Amino acid sequence: MKKAYEEYRDTGMLGGYDPGRALLRETESGEVLTSFRDTSYQHQDDYNITQREMLIGGKVFHVTSVFPMAATATPTDKLLSLIDKDLKKEAHSA
């Protein structure tokens, strides 16, 4: 695994997605949670909040993601629904 300075030297970016740095943890309910060493995690009310920083081209980007604890659909389900809607629009306009 590359050290942080090697990653920045080779790519010009820090904080990118690197599966080799992921930690997997199984919850009591059997779910698998993926976490990264450079990310902070908080639980507030009914939400999970993740925060991290990325350095790209000498600029720092602060990234915050908010996820509901009880999601109504998976991200994959939502993406498939969006694709279906786009395909229906294309079919109607053709």
Foldseek 3Di string as FASTA:
>chain_A
DDDQVVCCVVAVKGDDDDPVQWDWDADPVGDIDIDGPQWDWDDDDQWIKIWGWMGHNNDIDIDIDIDGNDDPDDPVVVVVVVVVVVVVVVVVVD
